[in-house]
Amino acid sequence: MIMVMGITTLAPAQIIRNQRPRAYGATTATPPPAPEARADSVLAGPTQLTPRGFDSPVDPATYIIGPGDQFVVFLRPQGIDFRLTVLPEGKVLVPDAGLVQAAGLSINQFRDELKKGLASFHHGSEIQCQLMLPRTFVVYVLGDVTTPGPVQVSAPFRVDAAIAAAGGVASPGSKREIEIRENGEVTATVDLVRLQRLGDTAVNPMLHEGQSIFVPSRGPACNVTGEVWQRGGYEIVEGETAADLIELAGGFTTNADPGDMVLERIAESGEITVLKLPESELATTRLQDGDVVVVPDKRSFPGIDFVRVQGGGGRDGRIYLAEGETLDSFRPRFIRLRNDFDLSNSKIERRQPDGSMEFIPVDLSRLVRGDTTLSVVLQSGDVINVPRLEDIVYVTGEVMRPGEVDFQRGLPAGRYIAMAGGPSDTGSIDKLEIFDDRGNRRDGDRDSVVYRGETILVKRRTAVVWGNVFIGFVSLTSLFLSAYAVITANSN
């Protein structure tokens, strides 16, 4: 035996090896192809063939048989095996016993009927019947789905998979009040949001022939925001309360303050009213279209100090602060500090009472090396900013393409100038000024080693400078002589 997705199935050779062709009419050892494998099994138009798969073993007590289901029957000890296929009229043709009703029965009920039909022909035999291949059938998925129309599915099949085969619920469609219709009547509604958010499989029933699925347009909705795990807009099913929507939103986070919740509601006049929403009233507060349930953050209120960390490669964001905590005692709470951040140029940003900002430089690289002298006392609201090291070098001045070039450890200034297109006609590759990221200046030439984040300023050649001075002097002299000549001529 082999197992396929939780259903016990026999390999074809095992099914037919003990058949008696003369007695039961079996003429071939090749099983028919599965309906979903035949090229002509897909209906014309928008119909889609869904892939075979089972989310649980078939339950013989609840699986309802329909036309196309295939069974294998074992008679022991005779060693007789044969197959049965449910005919379009819902019956199976059983050797010796004739026609036996199957469609509309559960597998267990069909087994009982089969045993009754065969009992008079096979006294004392053990009769076993197993579902070998579930049927395929068509359901119509209509309404606000991406591709409305017929969808061919394989039993047993659930509503969510049929909707997925139709391309999913379209943007104006409801995910919470999907209708299952049969003989023109709504027999059940499906809530895909409860299925997906809460794992409630009871709202996702199996399908059978004669049913259709209709996705209506989305109804009233409200927004749940603040300290819930999945904040956002949620469609409201009739009769739901604020507690139901908070449950769909994943419930309160660990930082939620349920004691200060509010309900924002738009009145018919267009005015917004803000109502207190005590936790004790969540289960009785009915929601309306456009409502907003706000769950505040208990950390937003006075009495809890914190700092923010930006960069460094460890913890980012808000971190609670103990009273009197210094940067040295705060060190383990970074978790880690990586060397691809500029630890030595870190800063503490602190807002002053007058609204201005103070920037306190701190060298966190010393802290990493065990220097405990960094005794800056942290204050609530401080921001510890650890900038990332820039893997670039700036080349400016008398070069062809001033700007950024990639930093490569150990390269001299001449190579970076070459990557910037080389010096201009007036630039000197041996007349350089190099600035570090703190603004400190040093003179350099083409062989000077450049470090990450530094700026290379290529200056003009000395000859060009003196030439410009000479040209300027000549021009000034010419102007002076011309003016002198005019004055002399006027005086005569």
Protein backbone atom coordinates (compact mmCIF):
# COMPACT_ATOMS: atom_id res chain seq x y z
CA MET A 1 0.00 0.00 0.00
CA ILE A 2 1.02 3.59 -0.56
CA MET A 3 -0.27 6.72 1.18
CA VAL A 4 -1.34 9.78 -0.80
CA MET A 5 -2.09 12.90 1.29
CA GLY A 6 -3.57 10.90 4.15
CA ILE A 7 -5.75 8.58 2.01
CA THR A 8 -4.90 4.89 1.78
CA THR A 9 -4.48 4.05 -1.91
CA LEU A 10 -3.40 0.90 -3.71
CA ALA A 11 -0.84 0.84 -6.47
CA PRO A 12 -2.44 -0.14 -9.84
CA ALA A 13 -0.59 -3.49 -10.00
CA GLN A 14 -1.91 -4.42 -6.56
CA ILE A 15 -5.46 -3.57 -7.50
CA ILE A 16 -5.71 -5.81 -10.57
CA ARG A 17 -3.39 -8.70 -9.94
CA ASN A 18 -6.17 -10.98 -8.60
CA GLN A 19 -8.95 -9.87 -10.92
CA ARG A 20 -10.95 -12.50 -12.81
CA PRO A 21 -11.64 -10.91 -16.22
CA ARG A 22 -14.14 -13.57 -17.31
CA ALA A 23 -16.26 -13.21 -14.21
CA TYR A 24 -16.10 -9.43 -13.74
CA GLY A 25 -15.31 -8.00 -17.14
CA ALA A 26 -11.91 -6.45 -16.29
CA THR A 27 -9.88 -6.21 -19.49
CA THR A 28 -6.98 -3.88 -18.75
CA ALA A 29 -4.33 -3.52 -16.09
CA THR A 30 -3.90 0.21 -16.72
CA PRO A 31 -5.94 2.45 -14.45
CA PRO A 32 -7.79 5.32 -16.11
CA PRO A 33 -6.08 8.70 -15.81
CA ALA A 34 -7.15 10.88 -12.94
CA PRO A 35 -9.81 13.34 -14.14
CA GLU A 36 -7.57 16.33 -13.43
CA ALA A 37 -4.81 14.85 -15.60
CA ARG A 38 -6.88 14.69 -18.80
CA ALA A 39 -6.51 17.53 -21.25
CA ASP A 40 -10.26 17.64 -21.92
CA SER A 41 -11.19 17.87 -18.24
CA VAL A 42 -10.90 21.67 -18.04
CA LEU A 43 -14.09 23.46 -18.94
CA ALA A 44 -14.01 26.18 -21.55
CA GLY A 45 -13.80 29.83 -20.58
CA PRO A 46 -12.62 31.03 -17.17
CA THR A 47 -12.80 27.61 -15.49
CA GLN A 48 -9.64 26.65 -13.61
CA LEU A 49 -8.56 23.20 -12.57
CA THR A 50 -7.46 23.19 -8.94
CA PRO A 51 -4.53 20.97 -7.89
CA ARG A 52 -5.29 17.80 -5.95
CA GLY A 53 -4.48 17.96 -2.28
CA PHE A 54 -6.12 17.08 1.04
CA ASP A 55 -5.81 19.01 4.27
CA SER A 56 -6.84 15.95 6.31
CA PRO A 57 -7.72 12.27 5.76
CA VAL A 58 -11.15 11.64 4.26
CA ASP A 59 -13.72 10.96 6.98
CA PRO A 60 -15.90 8.00 5.84
CA ALA A 61 -18.68 9.17 8.12
CA THR A 62 -19.00 12.65 6.58
CA TYR A 63 -17.72 12.30 3.01
CA ILE A 64 -20.76 12.36 0.70
CA ILE A 65 -20.35 10.24 -2.42
CA GLY A 66 -21.09 11.67 -5.85
CA PRO A 67 -20.84 10.68 -9.56
CA GLY A 68 -17.25 9.93 -10.57
CA ASP A 69 -15.98 8.66 -7.21
CA GLN A 70 -13.96 5.49 -7.66
CA PHE A 71 -13.79 2.63 -5.15
CA VAL A 72 -11.88 -0.63 -4.88
CA VAL A 73 -13.58 -3.68 -3.34
CA PHE A 74 -11.74 -6.64 -1.74
CA LEU A 75 -13.33 -10.04 -1.21
CA ARG A 76 -11.46 -12.28 1.21
CA PRO A 77 -10.48 -15.13 1.33
CA GLN A 78 -11.39 -15.51 -2.35
CA GLY A 79 -8.68 -13.03 -3.35
CA ILE A 80 -11.04 -11.08 -5.62
CA ASP A 81 -10.41 -7.35 -6.17
CA PHE A 82 -12.47 -5.08 -8.44
CA ARG A 83 -13.20 -1.41 -8.98
CA LEU A 84 -16.43 0.50 -8.88
CA THR A 85 -17.12 3.92 -10.39
CA VAL A 86 -20.19 5.90 -9.42
CA LEU A 87 -22.22 6.41 -12.59
CA PRO A 88 -23.79 9.76 -13.58
CA GLU A 89 -27.15 8.62 -12.19
CA GLY A 90 -25.53 8.03 -8.78
CA LYS A 91 -25.40 4.22 -8.76
CA VAL A 92 -22.59 1.67 -9.13
CA LEU A 93 -22.76 -1.55 -11.13
CA VAL A 94 -21.62 -4.32 -8.77
CA PRO A 95 -20.72 -7.71 -10.27
CA ASP A 96 -23.36 -10.28 -9.25
CA ALA A 97 -25.32 -7.79 -7.13
CA GLY A 98 -26.29 -5.36 -9.93
CA LEU A 99 -27.00 -1.65 -9.35
CA VAL A 100 -26.46 -0.25 -5.86
CA GLN A 101 -27.22 3.34 -4.84
CA ALA A 102 -24.10 5.35 -3.89
CA ALA A 103 -24.56 9.09 -4.55
CA GLY A 104 -25.80 11.00 -1.54
CA LEU A 105 -24.57 8.37 0.92
CA SER A 106 -21.57 8.59 3.20
CA ILE A 107 -18.80 6.05 2.63
CA ASN A 108 -19.89 4.13 5.73
CA GLN A 109 -23.49 3.98 4.52
CA PHE A 110 -22.39 2.83 1.07
CA ARG A 111 -20.27 0.05 2.62
CA ASP A 112 -23.35 -1.21 4.45
CA GLU A 113 -25.42 -1.20 1.23
CA LEU A 114 -22.65 -2.96 -0.67
CA LYS A 115 -22.33 -5.71 1.93
CA LYS A 116 -26.11 -6.29 1.81
CA GLY A 117 -25.98 -6.64 -1.98
CA LEU A 118 -23.03 -9.07 -1.99
CA ALA A 119 -23.91 -11.11 1.09
CA SER A 120 -26.16 -13.62 -0.73
CA PHE A 121 -23.49 -14.31 -3.40
CA HIS A 122 -20.43 -14.52 -1.15
CA HIS A 123 -21.37 -16.28 2.07
CA GLY A 124 -18.75 -15.98 4.80
CA SER A 125 -16.64 -13.50 2.79
CA GLU A 126 -14.92 -10.50 4.31
CA ILE A 127 -15.96 -7.51 2.16
CA GLN A 128 -13.84 -4.39 2.28
CA CYS A 129 -14.48 -1.18 0.30
CA GLN A 130 -12.04 1.76 0.07
CA LEU A 131 -12.25 5.12 -1.71
CA MET A 132 -9.55 4.97 -4.36
CA LEU A 133 -9.94 8.24 -6.30
CA PRO A 134 -12.22 11.14 -5.33
CA ARG A 135 -14.30 12.70 -8.08
CA THR A 136 -13.99 16.12 -9.65
CA PHE A 137 -16.95 18.44 -10.00
CA VAL A 138 -17.74 22.05 -10.83
CA VAL A 139 -18.76 24.87 -8.51
CA TYR A 140 -19.49 28.42 -9.58
CA VAL A 141 -17.54 31.15 -7.77
CA LEU A 142 -19.30 34.43 -8.43
CA GLY A 143 -19.43 38.01 -7.18
CA ASP A 144 -16.42 40.11 -6.25
CA VAL A 145 -13.63 37.69 -7.17
CA THR A 146 -10.82 38.24 -9.65
CA THR A 147 -12.08 35.64 -12.16
CA PRO A 148 -15.75 34.82 -11.56
CA GLY A 149 -17.10 31.68 -13.17
CA PRO A 150 -17.01 27.89 -12.98
CA VAL A 151 -14.14 26.25 -11.12
CA GLN A 152 -13.41 22.55 -11.35
CA VAL A 153 -12.45 21.13 -7.98
CA SER A 154 -11.56 17.74 -6.59
CA ALA A 155 -13.51 16.35 -3.65
CA PRO A 156 -13.12 16.84 -0.76
CA PHE A 157 -12.56 20.56 -1.28
CA ARG A 158 -13.03 23.60 0.97
CA VAL A 159 -14.37 27.05 0.21
CA ASP A 160 -11.12 29.00 0.62
CA ALA A 161 -9.33 26.86 -1.97
CA ALA A 162 -12.15 27.33 -4.51
CA ILE A 163 -11.98 31.11 -4.03
CA ALA A 164 -8.20 31.00 -4.45
CA ALA A 165 -8.72 29.09 -7.73
CA ALA A 166 -10.93 31.97 -8.89
CA GLY A 167 -8.09 34.43 -8.27
CA GLY A 168 -9.05 35.41 -4.74
CA VAL A 169 -11.44 38.04 -3.38
CA ALA A 170 -11.27 41.28 -5.38
CA SER A 171 -10.66 44.59 -3.59
CA PRO A 172 -14.34 45.59 -3.13
CA GLY A 173 -15.35 42.11 -2.02
CA SER A 174 -16.23 40.87 1.45
CA LYS A 175 -13.96 38.31 3.08
CA ARG A 176 -16.21 37.88 6.07
CA GLU A 177 -19.69 37.16 4.69
CA ILE A 178 -19.08 34.85 1.74
CA GLU A 179 -22.26 32.96 0.86
CA ILE A 180 -22.62 29.27 0.00
CA ARG A 181 -25.77 28.84 -2.06
CA GLU A 182 -27.72 25.71 -2.95
CA ASN A 183 -30.99 25.57 -4.91
CA GLY A 184 -31.14 29.35 -4.79
CA GLU A 185 -30.91 29.53 -1.00
CA VAL A 186 -28.03 30.70 1.21
CA THR A 187 -27.11 27.64 3.29
CA ALA A 188 -24.03 28.95 5.06
CA THR A 189 -21.66 31.92 5.30
CA VAL A 190 -17.87 31.76 5.37
CA ASP A 191 -15.58 34.13 7.27
CA LEU A 192 -12.12 33.93 5.71
CA VAL A 193 -10.74 36.53 8.13
CA ARG A 194 -11.62 34.36 11.15
CA LEU A 195 -10.16 31.39 9.31
CA GLN A 196 -6.88 33.14 8.54
CA ARG A 197 -6.49 35.16 11.74
CA LEU A 198 -7.88 32.69 14.32
CA GLY A 199 -7.57 29.32 12.56
CA ASP A 200 -11.30 28.64 12.90
CA THR A 201 -11.75 25.84 10.32
CA ALA A 202 -15.41 25.47 11.25
CA VAL A 203 -16.14 28.51 9.05
CA ASN A 204 -14.54 26.82 6.01
CA PRO A 205 -16.78 23.87 5.06
CA MET A 206 -16.34 21.24 2.35
CA LEU A 207 -18.09 21.71 -1.00
CA HIS A 208 -20.23 19.32 -3.01
CA GLU A 209 -22.14 19.26 -6.27
CA GLY A 210 -24.94 21.73 -6.74
CA GLN A 211 -23.38 24.42 -4.55
CA SER A 212 -22.15 27.84 -5.64
CA ILE A 213 -20.11 30.50 -3.88
CA PHE A 214 -21.07 34.18 -3.97
CA VAL A 215 -18.73 36.94 -2.70
CA PRO A 216 -20.77 40.09 -1.95
CA SER A 217 -19.37 43.60 -1.72
CA ARG A 218 -17.70 44.57 1.51
CA GLY A 219 -19.97 45.94 4.22
CA PRO A 220 -19.35 48.38 7.10
CA ALA A 221 -15.82 48.48 8.47
CA CYS A 222 -13.94 49.96 11.38
CA ASN A 223 -10.29 50.52 12.14
CA VAL A 224 -8.39 49.05 15.09
CA THR A 225 -5.17 50.91 15.75
CA GLY A 226 -2.54 51.30 18.43
CA GLU A 227 -1.20 48.50 20.59
CA VAL A 228 -2.72 45.45 18.88
CA TRP A 229 -0.69 42.91 16.93
CA GLN A 230 -2.44 43.39 13.56
CA ARG A 231 -3.77 46.91 13.37
CA GLY A 232 -5.77 47.95 10.33
CA GLY A 233 -9.26 48.03 8.86
CA TYR A 234 -11.71 45.20 9.59
CA GLU A 235 -15.10 44.54 8.08
CA ILE A 236 -17.85 44.38 10.70
CA VAL A 237 -20.16 41.38 10.74
CA GLU A 238 -23.61 42.21 12.08
CA GLY A 239 -23.75 42.05 15.87
CA GLU A 240 -19.98 42.15 16.41
CA THR A 241 -18.52 44.08 19.33
CA ALA A 242 -15.27 45.86 19.99
CA ALA A 243 -14.00 42.70 21.73
CA ASP A 244 -14.55 40.68 18.53
CA LEU A 245 -12.57 43.13 16.41
CA ILE A 246 -9.71 43.32 18.90
CA GLU A 247 -9.59 39.52 18.84
CA LEU A 248 -9.32 39.58 15.02
CA ALA A 249 -6.54 42.15 15.37
CA GLY A 250 -4.51 39.64 17.38
CA GLY A 251 -5.34 41.00 20.82
CA PHE A 252 -3.41 43.48 22.95
CA THR A 253 0.36 43.75 22.77
CA THR A 254 2.42 43.64 25.95
CA ASN A 255 2.66 47.46 25.86
CA ALA A 256 -1.09 48.08 25.57
CA ASP A 257 -2.94 50.16 28.11
CA PRO A 258 -6.52 48.78 27.95
CA GLY A 259 -7.57 51.12 30.74
CA ASP A 260 -7.35 54.21 28.52
CA MET A 261 -8.91 53.00 25.25
CA VAL A 262 -11.10 55.36 23.25
CA LEU A 263 -13.67 54.97 20.48
CA GLU A 264 -13.67 57.62 17.76
CA ARG A 265 -17.05 57.80 16.04
CA ILE A 266 -18.41 59.96 13.23
CA ALA A 267 -21.93 61.11 14.00
CA GLU A 268 -24.63 61.50 11.33
CA SER A 269 -24.05 65.26 11.48
CA GLY A 270 -20.42 64.70 10.45
CA GLU A 271 -18.99 65.59 13.84
CA ILE A 272 -16.41 63.32 15.45
CA THR A 273 -17.07 62.22 19.00
CA VAL A 274 -14.43 60.62 21.18
CA LEU A 275 -15.79 58.19 23.75
CA LYS A 276 -13.98 56.44 26.57
CA LEU A 277 -13.99 52.68 26.04
CA PRO A 278 -13.51 50.80 29.32
CA GLU A 279 -12.15 47.29 28.97
CA SER A 280 -15.16 45.97 30.87
CA GLU A 281 -17.48 47.27 28.11
CA LEU A 282 -15.64 45.82 25.11
CA ALA A 283 -17.92 42.79 24.85
CA THR A 284 -21.08 44.94 24.84
CA THR A 285 -19.98 47.85 22.64
CA ARG A 286 -21.46 47.48 19.16
CA LEU A 287 -19.43 48.98 16.36
CA GLN A 288 -20.53 51.17 13.45
CA ASP A 289 -19.18 51.92 10.02
CA GLY A 290 -16.21 54.29 10.26
CA ASP A 291 -15.50 53.69 13.96
CA VAL A 292 -11.88 53.73 15.13
CA VAL A 293 -10.88 51.74 18.22
CA VAL A 294 -7.67 53.20 19.69
CA VAL A 295 -5.54 51.14 22.07
CA PRO A 296 -2.89 53.46 23.59
CA ASP A 297 0.66 52.60 24.54
CA LYS A 298 1.31 52.65 28.27
CA ARG A 299 4.86 53.81 27.49
CA SER A 300 3.45 57.06 26.10
CA PHE A 301 2.62 58.35 29.55
CA PRO A 302 4.94 60.06 32.07
CA GLY A 303 6.88 57.99 34.55
CA ILE A 304 8.77 55.67 32.21
CA ASP A 305 12.16 56.91 31.06
CA PHE A 306 13.74 55.72 27.85
CA VAL A 307 16.45 56.51 25.32
CA ARG A 308 16.50 55.81 21.61
CA VAL A 309 19.39 54.06 19.87
CA GLN A 310 20.02 54.64 16.18
CA GLY A 311 22.69 52.53 14.47
CA GLY A 312 25.51 50.48 15.91
CA GLY A 313 24.36 47.10 14.60
CA GLY A 314 22.59 45.96 17.77
CA ARG A 315 19.32 47.15 19.28
CA ASP A 316 17.59 49.96 17.44
CA GLY A 317 14.68 51.95 18.80
CA ARG A 318 13.32 52.70 22.26
CA ILE A 319 15.05 51.16 25.30
CA TYR A 320 13.86 51.72 28.87
CA LEU A 321 16.20 53.66 31.10
CA ALA A 322 16.94 53.12 34.77
CA GLU A 323 17.25 56.16 37.01
CA GLY A 324 20.79 57.55 37.06
CA GLU A 325 22.02 55.10 34.38
CA THR A 326 25.31 56.08 32.72
CA LEU A 327 26.57 55.24 29.27
CA ASP A 328 29.01 52.77 30.84
CA SER A 329 26.27 50.84 32.68
CA PHE A 330 24.12 51.01 29.54
CA ARG A 331 26.83 49.23 27.49
CA PRO A 332 25.47 45.61 27.76
CA ARG A 333 22.05 46.77 26.59
CA PHE A 334 23.34 47.61 23.13
CA ILE A 335 23.64 43.78 22.73
CA ARG A 336 26.44 44.31 20.21
CA LEU A 337 28.35 47.13 18.54
CA ARG A 338 29.73 46.33 15.08
CA ASN A 339 32.90 47.71 13.57
CA ASP A 340 31.19 48.69 10.33
CA PHE A 341 29.74 51.59 12.34
CA ASP A 342 31.79 54.64 13.27
CA LEU A 343 31.85 54.02 17.02
CA SER A 344 34.42 56.73 17.70
CA ASN A 345 32.20 59.45 16.20
CA SER A 346 29.02 58.61 18.08
CA LYS A 347 26.90 61.35 19.61
CA ILE A 348 24.21 61.77 22.23
CA GLU A 349 21.48 64.11 21.00
CA ARG A 350 19.76 65.89 23.88
CA ARG A 351 16.98 68.45 23.72
CA GLN A 352 17.40 71.42 26.07
CA PRO A 353 14.55 73.12 27.99
CA ASP A 354 14.60 76.03 25.54
CA GLY A 355 14.04 73.63 22.61
CA SER A 356 17.59 73.74 21.26
CA MET A 357 19.60 70.57 20.67
CA GLU A 358 22.86 69.66 22.41
CA PHE A 359 25.19 67.17 20.72
CA ILE A 360 27.49 65.36 23.15
CA PRO A 361 30.33 63.48 21.35
CA VAL A 362 31.11 60.02 22.78
CA ASP A 363 33.74 57.51 21.71
CA LEU A 364 31.99 54.15 21.97
CA SER A 365 35.08 52.36 20.67
CA ARG A 366 36.72 53.13 24.04
CA LEU A 367 33.68 51.66 25.75
CA VAL A 368 34.08 48.45 23.73
CA ARG A 369 37.76 48.26 24.77
CA GLY A 370 36.74 48.36 28.44
CA ASP A 371 37.26 52.06 29.19
CA THR A 372 34.84 52.79 32.04
CA THR A 373 35.50 56.55 32.18
CA LEU A 374 32.57 57.34 29.88
CA SER A 375 30.33 58.31 32.77
CA VAL A 376 27.84 60.46 30.85
CA VAL A 377 24.56 60.24 32.75
CA LEU A 378 21.77 59.44 30.30
CA GLN A 379 18.51 61.34 30.39
CA SER A 380 15.05 60.34 29.28
CA GLY A 381 14.56 61.27 25.63
CA ASP A 382 18.26 61.09 24.72
CA VAL A 383 19.09 59.71 21.30
CA ILE A 384 22.34 57.72 21.01
CA ASN A 385 23.34 58.07 17.37
CA VAL A 386 26.00 55.69 16.01
CA PRO A 387 26.70 56.57 12.34
CA ARG A 388 27.58 53.92 9.78
CA LEU A 389 31.09 54.04 8.37
CA GLU A 390 30.97 55.33 4.82
CA ASP A 391 32.87 53.11 2.38
CA ILE A 392 33.68 56.07 0.17
CA VAL A 393 36.35 58.72 -0.37
CA TYR A 394 35.51 62.19 -1.66
CA VAL A 395 37.69 63.68 -4.43
CA THR A 396 37.21 67.37 -5.20
CA GLY A 397 39.01 70.37 -6.60
CA GLU A 398 40.95 70.24 -9.87
CA VAL A 399 39.79 66.79 -11.08
CA MET A 400 37.78 65.71 -14.10
CA ARG A 401 34.87 64.12 -12.18
CA PRO A 402 34.68 65.43 -8.62
CA GLY A 403 32.57 63.39 -6.24
CA GLU A 404 32.48 60.04 -4.41
CA VAL A 405 34.63 56.99 -5.23
CA ASP A 406 34.63 53.60 -3.50
CA PHE A 407 37.00 53.24 -0.58
CA GLN A 408 39.59 50.46 -0.82
CA ARG A 409 41.87 49.86 2.12
CA GLY A 410 45.53 50.85 1.55
CA LEU A 411 45.10 52.73 -1.74
CA PRO A 412 47.14 55.96 -2.12
CA ALA A 413 45.63 59.30 -3.06
CA GLY A 414 46.82 59.02 -6.68
CA ARG A 415 44.63 55.97 -7.29
CA TYR A 416 41.52 57.71 -5.98
CA ILE A 417 42.26 60.74 -8.19
CA ALA A 418 42.59 58.37 -11.15
CA MET A 419 39.17 56.85 -10.31
CA ALA A 420 37.79 60.43 -10.39
CA GLY A 421 39.05 60.83 -13.99
CA GLY A 422 42.49 62.18 -13.11
CA PRO A 423 43.55 65.77 -12.52
CA SER A 424 42.25 68.51 -14.79
CA ASP A 425 44.56 70.45 -17.08
CA THR A 426 45.28 72.84 -14.24
CA GLY A 427 45.36 70.32 -11.36
CA SER A 428 48.44 68.98 -9.57
CA ILE A 429 48.48 65.37 -8.42
CA ASP A 430 51.31 66.22 -6.01
CA LYS A 431 49.67 69.27 -4.47
CA LEU A 432 46.93 67.87 -2.26
CA GLU A 433 45.12 68.64 0.93
CA ILE A 434 43.46 65.72 2.76
CA PHE A 435 40.69 66.22 5.33
CA ASP A 436 39.42 63.55 7.72
CA ASP A 437 35.74 63.21 8.68
CA ARG A 438 36.29 65.58 11.62
CA GLY A 439 37.69 68.36 9.45
CA ASN A 440 41.35 67.93 10.41
CA ARG A 441 43.67 68.87 7.53
CA ARG A 442 47.00 67.48 6.35
CA ASP A 443 49.12 68.05 3.23
CA GLY A 444 49.61 65.14 0.87
CA ASP A 445 50.74 63.92 -2.53
CA ARG A 446 49.96 61.05 -4.87
CA ASP A 447 51.51 58.49 -2.49
CA SER A 448 49.66 59.56 0.65
CA VAL A 449 47.50 56.82 2.18
CA VAL A 450 43.82 57.79 2.38
CA TYR A 451 41.38 56.44 4.94
CA ARG A 452 37.66 55.73 4.85
CA GLY A 453 35.46 58.84 4.64
CA GLU A 454 38.30 61.29 3.95
CA THR A 455 38.25 64.08 1.36
CA ILE A 456 41.06 64.69 -1.16
CA LEU A 457 41.33 68.29 -2.41
CA VAL A 458 43.37 68.54 -5.62
CA LYS A 459 44.88 72.03 -5.88
CA ARG A 460 46.07 73.94 -8.92
CA ARG A 461 49.62 73.59 -10.19
CA THR A 462 52.04 76.32 -9.00
CA ALA A 463 52.91 77.37 -12.56
CA VAL A 464 49.24 77.90 -13.33
CA VAL A 465 48.83 79.99 -10.21
CA TRP A 466 51.86 82.19 -11.00
CA GLY A 467 50.80 82.39 -14.63
CA ASN A 468 47.41 83.67 -13.57
CA VAL A 469 49.09 86.16 -11.24
CA PHE A 470 51.35 87.37 -14.08
CA ILE A 471 48.44 87.71 -16.49
CA GLY A 472 46.54 89.63 -13.88
CA PHE A 473 49.54 91.91 -13.24
CA VAL A 474 49.96 92.59 -16.98
CA SER A 475 46.27 93.30 -17.36
CA LEU A 476 46.34 95.67 -14.39
CA THR A 477 49.45 97.45 -15.77
CA SER A 478 47.84 97.82 -19.18
CA LEU A 479 44.75 99.27 -17.60
CA PHE A 480 46.85 101.73 -15.58
CA LEU A 481 48.84 102.89 -18.67
CA SER A 482 45.67 103.29 -20.69
CA ALA A 483 44.11 105.41 -18.00
CA TYR A 484 47.30 107.49 -17.72
CA ALA A 485 47.32 108.11 -21.47
CA VAL A 486 43.70 109.29 -21.43
CA ILE A 487 44.37 111.65 -18.53
CA THR A 488 47.49 113.10 -20.25
CA ALA A 489 45.62 113.63 -23.52
CA ASN A 490 42.79 115.44 -21.75
CA SER A 491 45.20 117.70 -19.87
CA ASN A 492 46.83 118.86 -23.15
